[in-house]
């Protein structure tokens, strides 16, 4: 933390503004749930899930989703 403050002070002397963000801890919180990978696309109107190789992936009115949401697309297997 002291190094960070020194860096900001030194850069301030030269007329440059620096903003640095340092995490409070280098450890990952063991109690935090793992983020699910959202490599699928769920078409909202039909509820069909598409994978990244499908022509409807990001090409329909939808949102990112996980592999457990919606019904699998019959074309790509979602």
PDB file of N, CA and C in Angstrom:
ATOM      1  N   UNK A   1       0.824  -1.186   0.000  1.00  0.00           N
ATOM      2  CA  UNK A   1       0.000   0.000   0.000  1.00  0.00           C
ATOM      3  C   UNK A   1       0.870   1.252   0.000  1.00  0.00           C
ATOM      4  N   UNK A   2       1.989   1.200   0.755  1.00  0.00           N
ATOM      5  CA  UNK A   2       2.877   2.352   0.809  1.00  0.00           C
ATOM      6  C   UNK A   2       3.491   2.621  -0.555  1.00  0.00           C
ATOM      7  N   UNK A   3       3.800   1.551  -1.294  1.00  0.00           N
ATOM      8  CA  UNK A   3       4.358   1.702  -2.640  1.00  0.00           C
ATOM      9  C   UNK A   3       3.352   2.381  -3.548  1.00  0.00           C
ATOM     10  N   UNK A   4       2.100   2.032  -3.420  1.00  0.00           N
ATOM     11  CA  UNK A   4       1.040   2.625  -4.225  1.00  0.00           C
ATOM     12  C   UNK A   4       0.922   4.118  -3.940  1.00  0.00           C
ATOM     13  N   UNK A   5       0.975   4.495  -2.687  1.00  0.00           N
ATOM     14  CA  UNK A   5       0.880   5.913  -2.320  1.00  0.00           C
ATOM     15  C   UNK A   5       2.084   6.673  -2.856  1.00  0.00           C
ATOM     16  N   UNK A   6       3.276   6.092  -2.747  1.00  0.00           N
ATOM     17  CA  UNK A   6       4.479   6.740  -3.273  1.00  0.00           C
ATOM     18  C   UNK A   6       4.366   6.939  -4.782  1.00  0.00           C
ATOM     19  N   UNK A   7       3.856   5.935  -5.487  1.00  0.00           N
ATOM     20  CA  UNK A   7       3.703   6.029  -6.932  1.00  0.00           C
ATOM     21  C   UNK A   7       2.771   7.170  -7.302  1.00  0.00           C
ATOM     22  N   UNK A   8       1.681   7.289  -6.604  1.00  0.00           N
ATOM     23  CA  UNK A   8       0.724   8.365  -6.885  1.00  0.00           C
ATOM     24  C   UNK A   8       1.347   9.725  -6.588  1.00  0.00           C
ATOM     25  N   UNK A   9       2.087   9.834  -5.493  1.00  0.00           N
ATOM     26  CA  UNK A   9       2.733  11.098  -5.151  1.00  0.00           C
ATOM     27  C   UNK A   9       3.796  11.475  -6.168  1.00  0.00           C
ATOM     28  N   UNK A  10       4.611  10.529  -6.596  1.00  0.00           N
ATOM     29  CA  UNK A  10       5.665  10.811  -7.572  1.00  0.00           C
ATOM     30  C   UNK A  10       5.058  11.235  -8.900  1.00  0.00           C
ATOM     31  N   UNK A  11       4.045  10.515  -9.350  1.00  0.00           N
ATOM     32  CA  UNK A  11       3.404  10.877 -10.612  1.00  0.00           C
ATOM     33  C   UNK A  11       2.687  12.217 -10.495  1.00  0.00           C
ATOM     34  N   UNK A  12       2.187  12.550  -9.322  1.00  0.00           N
ATOM     35  CA  UNK A  12       1.531  13.837  -9.102  1.00  0.00           C
ATOM     36  C   UNK A  12       2.506  14.994  -9.224  1.00  0.00           C
ATOM     37  N   UNK A  13       3.750  14.785  -8.853  1.00  0.00           N
ATOM     38  CA  UNK A  13       4.757  15.835  -8.955  1.00  0.00           C
ATOM     39  C   UNK A  13       5.066  16.198 -10.401  1.00  0.00           C
ATOM     40  N   UNK A  14       4.894  15.257 -11.298  1.00  0.00           N
ATOM     41  CA  UNK A  14       5.185  15.502 -12.708  1.00  0.00           C
ATOM     42  C   UNK A  14       3.943  15.921 -13.495  1.00  0.00           C
ATOM     43  N   UNK A  15       2.871  16.182 -12.826  1.00  0.00           N
ATOM     44  CA  UNK A  15       1.655  16.653 -13.482  1.00  0.00           C
ATOM     45  C   UNK A  15       0.824  15.551 -14.111  1.00  0.00           C
ATOM     46  N   UNK A  16       1.132  14.320 -13.797  1.00  0.00           N
ATOM     47  CA  UNK A  16       0.389  13.189 -14.333  1.00  0.00           C
ATOM     48  C   UNK A  16      -0.486  12.626 -13.221  1.00  0.00           C
ATOM     49  N   UNK A  17      -1.713  12.356 -13.552  1.00  0.00           N
ATOM     50  CA  UNK A  17      -2.623  11.787 -12.564  1.00  0.00           C
ATOM     51  C   UNK A  17      -2.708  10.295 -12.811  1.00  0.00           C
ATOM     52  N   UNK A  18      -2.510   9.524 -11.781  1.00  0.00           N
ATOM     53  CA  UNK A  18      -2.590   8.073 -11.902  1.00  0.00           C
ATOM     54  C   UNK A  18      -3.569   7.542 -10.874  1.00  0.00           C
ATOM     55  N   UNK A  19      -4.382   6.624 -11.299  1.00  0.00           N
ATOM     56  CA  UNK A  19      -5.313   5.968 -10.393  1.00  0.00           C
ATOM     57  C   UNK A  19      -5.010   4.485 -10.463  1.00  0.00           C
ATOM     58  N   UNK A  20      -4.742   3.896  -9.344  1.00  0.00           N
ATOM     59  CA  UNK A  20      -4.429   2.478  -9.294  1.00  0.00           C
ATOM     60  C   UNK A  20      -5.399   1.793  -8.348  1.00  0.00           C
ATOM     61  N   UNK A  21      -5.807   0.614  -8.732  1.00  0.00           N
ATOM     62  CA  UNK A  21      -6.707  -0.169  -7.900  1.00  0.00           C
ATOM     63  C   UNK A  21      -5.968  -1.428  -7.495  1.00  0.00           C
ATOM     64  N   UNK A  22      -5.966  -1.692  -6.215  1.00  0.00           N
ATOM     65  CA  UNK A  22      -5.290  -2.867  -5.695  1.00  0.00           C
ATOM     66  C   UNK A  22      -6.296  -3.673  -4.899  1.00  0.00           C
ATOM     67  N   UNK A  23      -6.411  -4.971  -5.191  1.00  0.00           N
ATOM     68  CA  UNK A  23      -7.352  -5.782  -4.425  1.00  0.00           C
ATOM     69  C   UNK A  23      -6.950  -5.844  -2.967  1.00  0.00           C
ATOM     70  N   UNK A  24      -7.928  -5.978  -2.093  1.00  0.00           N
ATOM     71  CA  UNK A  24      -7.674  -6.021  -0.661  1.00  0.00           C
ATOM     72  C   UNK A  24      -6.879  -7.263  -0.275  1.00  0.00           C
ATOM     73  N   UNK A  25      -7.074  -8.344  -1.018  1.00  0.00           N
ATOM     74  CA  UNK A  25      -6.388  -9.586  -0.700  1.00  0.00           C
ATOM     75  C   UNK A  25      -6.070 -10.326  -1.984  1.00  0.00           C
ATOM     76  N   UNK A  26      -4.983 -11.062  -1.990  1.00  0.00           N
ATOM     77  CA  UNK A  26      -4.620 -11.855  -3.157  1.00  0.00           C
ATOM     78  C   UNK A  26      -5.305 -13.217  -3.155  1.00  0.00           C
ATOM     79  N   UNK A  27      -5.972 -13.548  -2.070  1.00  0.00           N
ATOM     80  CA  UNK A  27      -6.631 -14.839  -1.955  1.00  0.00           C
ATOM     81  C   UNK A  27      -8.041 -14.768  -2.525  1.00  0.00           C
ATOM     82  N   UNK A  28      -8.467 -15.863  -3.134  1.00  0.00           N
ATOM     83  CA  UNK A  28      -9.826 -15.969  -3.637  1.00  0.00           C
ATOM     84  C   UNK A  28     -10.713 -16.419  -2.492  1.00  0.00           C
ATOM     85  N   UNK A  29     -11.878 -15.796  -2.381  1.00  0.00           N
ATOM     86  CA  UNK A  29     -12.801 -16.146  -1.306  1.00  0.00           C
ATOM     87  C   UNK A  29     -13.320 -17.558  -1.535  1.00  0.00           C
ATOM     88  N   UNK A  30     -13.042 -18.448  -0.616  1.00  0.00           N
ATOM     89  CA  UNK A  30     -13.447 -19.849  -0.751  1.00  0.00           C
ATOM     90  C   UNK A  30     -14.958 -20.011  -0.636  1.00  0.00           C
ATOM     91  N   UNK A  31     -15.635 -19.078   0.012  1.00  0.00           N
ATOM     92  CA  UNK A  31     -17.077 -19.177   0.193  1.00  0.00           C
ATOM     93  C   UNK A  31     -17.856 -18.632  -0.997  1.00  0.00           C
ATOM     94  N   UNK A  32     -17.201 -17.915  -1.889  1.00  0.00           N
ATOM     95  CA  UNK A  32     -17.896 -17.328  -3.035  1.00  0.00           C
ATOM     96  C   UNK A  32     -18.217 -18.417  -4.058  1.00  0.00           C
ATOM     97  N   UNK A  33     -19.419 -18.400  -4.618  1.00  0.00           N
ATOM     98  CA  UNK A  33     -19.765 -19.413  -5.615  1.00  0.00           C
ATOM     99  C   UNK A  33     -18.970 -19.192  -6.897  1.00  0.00           C
ATOM    100  N   UNK A  34     -18.626 -20.277  -7.555  1.00  0.00           N
ATOM    101  CA  UNK A  34     -17.890 -20.181  -8.820  1.00  0.00           C
ATOM    102  C   UNK A  34     -18.817 -19.618  -9.889  1.00  0.00           C
ATOM    103  N   UNK A  35     -18.294 -18.731 -10.712  1.00  0.00           N
ATOM    104  CA  UNK A  35     -19.104 -18.153 -11.778  1.00  0.00           C
ATOM    105  C   UNK A  35     -19.284 -19.177 -12.884  1.00  0.00           C
ATOM    106  N   UNK A  36     -20.496 -19.359 -13.296  1.00  0.00           N
ATOM    107  CA  UNK A  36     -20.786 -20.300 -14.365  1.00  0.00           C
ATOM    108  C   UNK A  36     -20.398 -19.678 -15.705  1.00  0.00           C
ATOM    109  N   UNK A  37     -19.778 -20.470 -16.535  1.00  0.00           N
ATOM    110  CA  UNK A  37     -19.423 -19.997 -17.866  1.00  0.00           C
ATOM    111  C   UNK A  37     -20.693 -19.847 -18.687  1.00  0.00           C
ATOM    112  N   UNK A  38     -20.845 -18.681 -19.289  1.00  0.00           N
ATOM    113  CA  UNK A  38     -22.025 -18.427 -20.111  1.00  0.00           C
ATOM    114  C   UNK A  38     -21.614 -18.431 -21.577  1.00  0.00           C
ATOM    115  N   UNK A  39     -21.356 -19.629 -22.093  1.00  0.00           N
ATOM    116  CA  UNK A  39     -20.919 -19.799 -23.473  1.00  0.00           C
ATOM    117  C   UNK A  39     -22.074 -20.181 -24.383  1.00  0.00           C
ATOM    118  N   UNK A  40     -23.269 -19.952 -23.946  1.00  0.00           N
ATOM    119  CA  UNK A  40     -24.455 -20.302 -24.723  1.00  0.00           C
ATOM    120  C   UNK A  40     -25.337 -19.077 -24.877  1.00  0.00           C
ATOM    121  N   UNK A  41     -26.249 -19.136 -25.838  1.00  0.00           N
ATOM    122  CA  UNK A  41     -27.162 -18.032 -26.120  1.00  0.00           C
ATOM    123  C   UNK A  41     -28.578 -18.559 -26.022  1.00  0.00           C
ATOM    124  N   UNK A  42     -29.395 -17.911 -25.209  1.00  0.00           N
ATOM    125  CA  UNK A  42     -30.784 -18.313 -25.028  1.00  0.00           C
ATOM    126  C   UNK A  42     -31.679 -17.346 -25.767  1.00  0.00           C
ATOM    127  N   UNK A  43     -32.396 -17.858 -26.782  1.00  0.00           N
ATOM    128  CA  UNK A  43     -33.362 -17.039 -27.495  1.00  0.00           C
ATOM    129  C   UNK A  43     -34.560 -16.863 -26.581  1.00  0.00           C
ATOM    130  N   UNK A  44     -34.883 -15.621 -26.279  1.00  0.00           N
ATOM    131  CA  UNK A  44     -35.886 -15.323 -25.263  1.00  0.00           C
ATOM    132  C   UNK A  44     -37.278 -15.820 -25.646  1.00  0.00           C
ATOM    133  N   UNK A  45     -37.711 -15.539 -26.842  1.00  0.00           N
ATOM    134  CA  UNK A  45     -39.080 -15.869 -27.238  1.00  0.00           C
ATOM    135  C   UNK A  45     -39.354 -17.374 -27.235  1.00  0.00           C
ATOM    136  N   UNK A  46     -38.404 -18.164 -27.749  1.00  0.00           N
ATOM    137  CA  UNK A  46     -38.630 -19.604 -27.851  1.00  0.00           C
ATOM    138  C   UNK A  46     -38.061 -20.393 -26.684  1.00  0.00           C
ATOM    139  N   UNK A  47     -37.104 -19.811 -25.952  1.00  0.00           N
ATOM    140  CA  UNK A  47     -36.475 -20.522 -24.849  1.00  0.00           C
ATOM    141  C   UNK A  47     -35.484 -21.575 -25.315  1.00  0.00           C
ATOM    142  N   UNK A  48     -34.963 -21.415 -26.535  1.00  0.00           N
ATOM    143  CA  UNK A  48     -34.017 -22.387 -27.084  1.00  0.00           C
ATOM    144  C   UNK A  48     -32.585 -21.895 -26.866  1.00  0.00           C
ATOM    145  N   UNK A  49     -31.716 -22.829 -26.439  1.00  0.00           N
ATOM    146  CA  UNK A  49     -30.310 -22.546 -26.150  1.00  0.00           C
ATOM    147  C   UNK A  49     -29.448 -22.930 -27.354  1.00  0.00           C
ATOM    148  N   UNK A  50     -28.518 -22.035 -27.718  1.00  0.00           N
ATOM    149  CA  UNK A  50     -27.619 -22.255 -28.851  1.00  0.00           C
ATOM    150  C   UNK A  50     -26.175 -22.201 -28.375  1.00  0.00           C
ATOM    151  N   UNK A  51     -25.295 -23.012 -28.999  1.00  0.00           N
ATOM    152  CA  UNK A  51     -23.874 -22.924 -28.660  1.00  0.00           C
ATOM    153  C   UNK A  51     -23.186 -21.974 -29.640  1.00  0.00           C
ATOM    154  N   UNK A  52     -21.883 -21.748 -29.447  1.00  0.00           N
ATOM    155  CA  UNK A  52     -21.163 -20.739 -30.227  1.00  0.00           C
ATOM    156  C   UNK A  52     -21.011 -21.098 -31.704  1.00  0.00           C
ATOM    157  N   UNK A  53     -21.270 -22.346 -32.088  1.00  0.00           N
ATOM    158  CA  UNK A  53     -21.143 -22.753 -33.491  1.00  0.00           C
ATOM    159  C   UNK A  53     -22.456 -22.609 -34.262  1.00  0.00           C
ATOM    160  N   UNK A  54     -23.517 -22.279 -33.563  1.00  0.00           N
ATOM    161  CA  UNK A  54     -24.839 -22.179 -34.189  1.00  0.00           C
ATOM    162  C   UNK A  54     -25.019 -20.845 -34.908  1.00  0.00           C
ATOM    163  N   UNK A  55     -25.764 -20.858 -35.986  1.00  0.00           N
ATOM    164  CA  UNK A  55     -26.022 -19.619 -36.738  1.00  0.00           C
ATOM    165  C   UNK A  55     -26.889 -18.649 -35.943  1.00  0.00           C
ATOM    166  N   UNK A  56     -27.591 -19.120 -34.941  1.00  0.00           N
ATOM    167  CA  UNK A  56     -28.447 -18.252 -34.130  1.00  0.00           C
ATOM    168  C   UNK A  56     -27.744 -17.701 -32.886  1.00  0.00           C
ATOM    169  N   UNK A  57     -26.497 -18.114 -32.657  1.00  0.00           N
ATOM    170  CA  UNK A  57     -25.733 -17.641 -31.508  1.00  0.00           C
ATOM    171  C   UNK A  57     -25.467 -16.150 -31.680  1.00  0.00           C
ATOM    172  N   UNK A  58     -25.932 -15.336 -30.758  1.00  0.00           N
ATOM    173  CA  UNK A  58     -25.827 -13.860 -30.802  1.00  0.00           C
ATOM    174  C   UNK A  58     -26.496 -13.289 -32.044  1.00  0.00           C
ATOM    175  N   UNK A  59     -27.339 -14.042 -32.706  1.00  0.00           N
ATOM    176  CA  UNK A  59     -27.987 -13.569 -33.921  1.00  0.00           C
ATOM    177  C   UNK A  59     -29.506 -13.604 -33.774  1.00  0.00           C
ATOM    178  N   UNK A  60     -29.964 -13.679 -32.566  1.00  0.00           N
ATOM    179  CA  UNK A  60     -31.392 -13.661 -32.289  1.00  0.00           C
ATOM    180  C   UNK A  60     -31.605 -12.830 -31.034  1.00  0.00           C
ATOM    181  N   UNK A  61     -32.849 -12.452 -30.785  1.00  0.00           N
ATOM    182  CA  UNK A  61     -33.155 -11.663 -29.596  1.00  0.00           C
ATOM    183  C   UNK A  61     -33.024 -12.565 -28.381  1.00  0.00           C
ATOM    184  N   UNK A  62     -31.930 -12.400 -27.632  1.00  0.00           N
ATOM    185  CA  UNK A  62     -31.709 -13.286 -26.496  1.00  0.00           C
ATOM    186  C   UNK A  62     -30.704 -12.728 -25.528  1.00  0.00           C
ATOM    187  N   UNK A  63     -30.125 -13.636 -24.745  1.00  0.00           N
ATOM    188  CA  UNK A  63     -29.164 -13.269 -23.714  1.00  0.00           C
ATOM    189  C   UNK A  63     -28.201 -14.429 -23.494  1.00  0.00           C
ATOM    190  N   UNK A  64     -27.014 -14.144 -22.919  1.00  0.00           N
ATOM    191  CA  UNK A  64     -26.089 -15.228 -22.577  1.00  0.00           C
ATOM    192  C   UNK A  64     -26.708 -16.135 -21.507  1.00  0.00           C
ATOM    193  N   UNK A  65     -26.375 -17.404 -21.555  1.00  0.00           N
ATOM    194  CA  UNK A  65     -26.911 -18.345 -20.573  1.00  0.00           C
ATOM    195  C   UNK A  65     -25.915 -19.477 -20.339  1.00  0.00           C
ATOM    196  N   UNK A  66     -26.251 -20.350 -19.403  1.00  0.00           N
ATOM    197  CA  UNK A  66     -25.426 -21.527 -19.121  1.00  0.00           C
ATOM    198  C   UNK A  66     -25.999 -22.724 -19.857  1.00  0.00           C
ATOM    199  N   UNK A  67     -25.284 -23.844 -19.814  1.00  0.00           N
ATOM    200  CA  UNK A  67     -25.720 -25.035 -20.550  1.00  0.00           C
ATOM    201  C   UNK A  67     -26.957 -25.693 -19.951  1.00  0.00           C
ATOM    202  N   UNK A  68     -27.360 -25.262 -18.772  1.00  0.00           N
ATOM    203  CA  UNK A  68     -28.520 -25.862 -18.113  1.00  0.00           C
ATOM    204  C   UNK A  68     -29.811 -25.089 -18.330  1.00  0.00           C
ATOM    205  N   UNK A  69     -29.749 -23.959 -19.008  1.00  0.00           N
ATOM    206  CA  UNK A  69     -30.937 -23.135 -19.200  1.00  0.00           C
ATOM    207  C   UNK A  69     -31.590 -23.440 -20.544  1.00  0.00           C
ATOM    208  N   UNK A  70     -32.895 -23.370 -20.590  1.00  0.00           N
ATOM    209  CA  UNK A  70     -33.646 -23.522 -21.827  1.00  0.00           C
ATOM    210  C   UNK A  70     -33.563 -24.919 -22.419  1.00  0.00           C
ATOM    211  N   UNK A  71     -34.129 -25.039 -23.645  1.00  0.00           N
ATOM    212  CA  UNK A  71     -34.083 -26.303 -24.386  1.00  0.00           C
ATOM    213  C   UNK A  71     -32.948 -26.244 -25.397  1.00  0.00           C
ATOM    214  N   UNK A  72     -32.326 -27.361 -25.661  1.00  0.00           N
ATOM    215  CA  UNK A  72     -31.223 -27.420 -26.609  1.00  0.00           C
ATOM    216  C   UNK A  72     -31.745 -27.238 -28.037  1.00  0.00           C
ATOM    217  N   UNK A  73     -30.993 -26.496 -28.843  1.00  0.00           N
ATOM    218  CA  UNK A  73     -31.330 -26.294 -30.249  1.00  0.00           C
ATOM    219  C   UNK A  73     -31.193 -27.619 -31.000  1.00  0.00           C
ATOM    220  N   UNK A  74     -32.118 -27.904 -31.915  1.00  0.00           N
ATOM    221  CA  UNK A  74     -32.067 -29.131 -32.689  1.00  0.00           C
ATOM    222  C   UNK A  74     -30.992 -29.068 -33.775  1.00  0.00           C
ATOM    223  N   UNK A  75     -30.545 -27.873 -34.136  1.00  0.00           N
ATOM    224  CA  UNK A  75     -29.521 -27.715 -35.167  1.00  0.00           C
ATOM    225  C   UNK A  75     -28.126 -27.925 -34.578  1.00  0.00           C
ATOM    226  N   UNK A  76     -27.820 -27.231 -33.500  1.00  0.00           N
ATOM    227  CA  UNK A  76     -26.456 -27.260 -32.946  1.00  0.00           C
ATOM    228  C   UNK A  76     -26.330 -28.146 -31.706  1.00  0.00           C
ATOM    229  N   UNK A  77     -27.418 -28.521 -31.115  1.00  0.00           N
ATOM    230  CA  UNK A  77     -27.366 -29.342 -29.913  1.00  0.00           C
ATOM    231  C   UNK A  77     -27.283 -28.524 -28.646  1.00  0.00           C
ATOM    232  N   UNK A  78     -27.136 -27.213 -28.816  1.00  0.00           N
ATOM    233  CA  UNK A  78     -27.150 -26.249 -27.713  1.00  0.00           C
ATOM    234  C   UNK A  78     -26.503 -26.743 -26.509  1.00  0.00           C
TER     235      UNK A  78
END
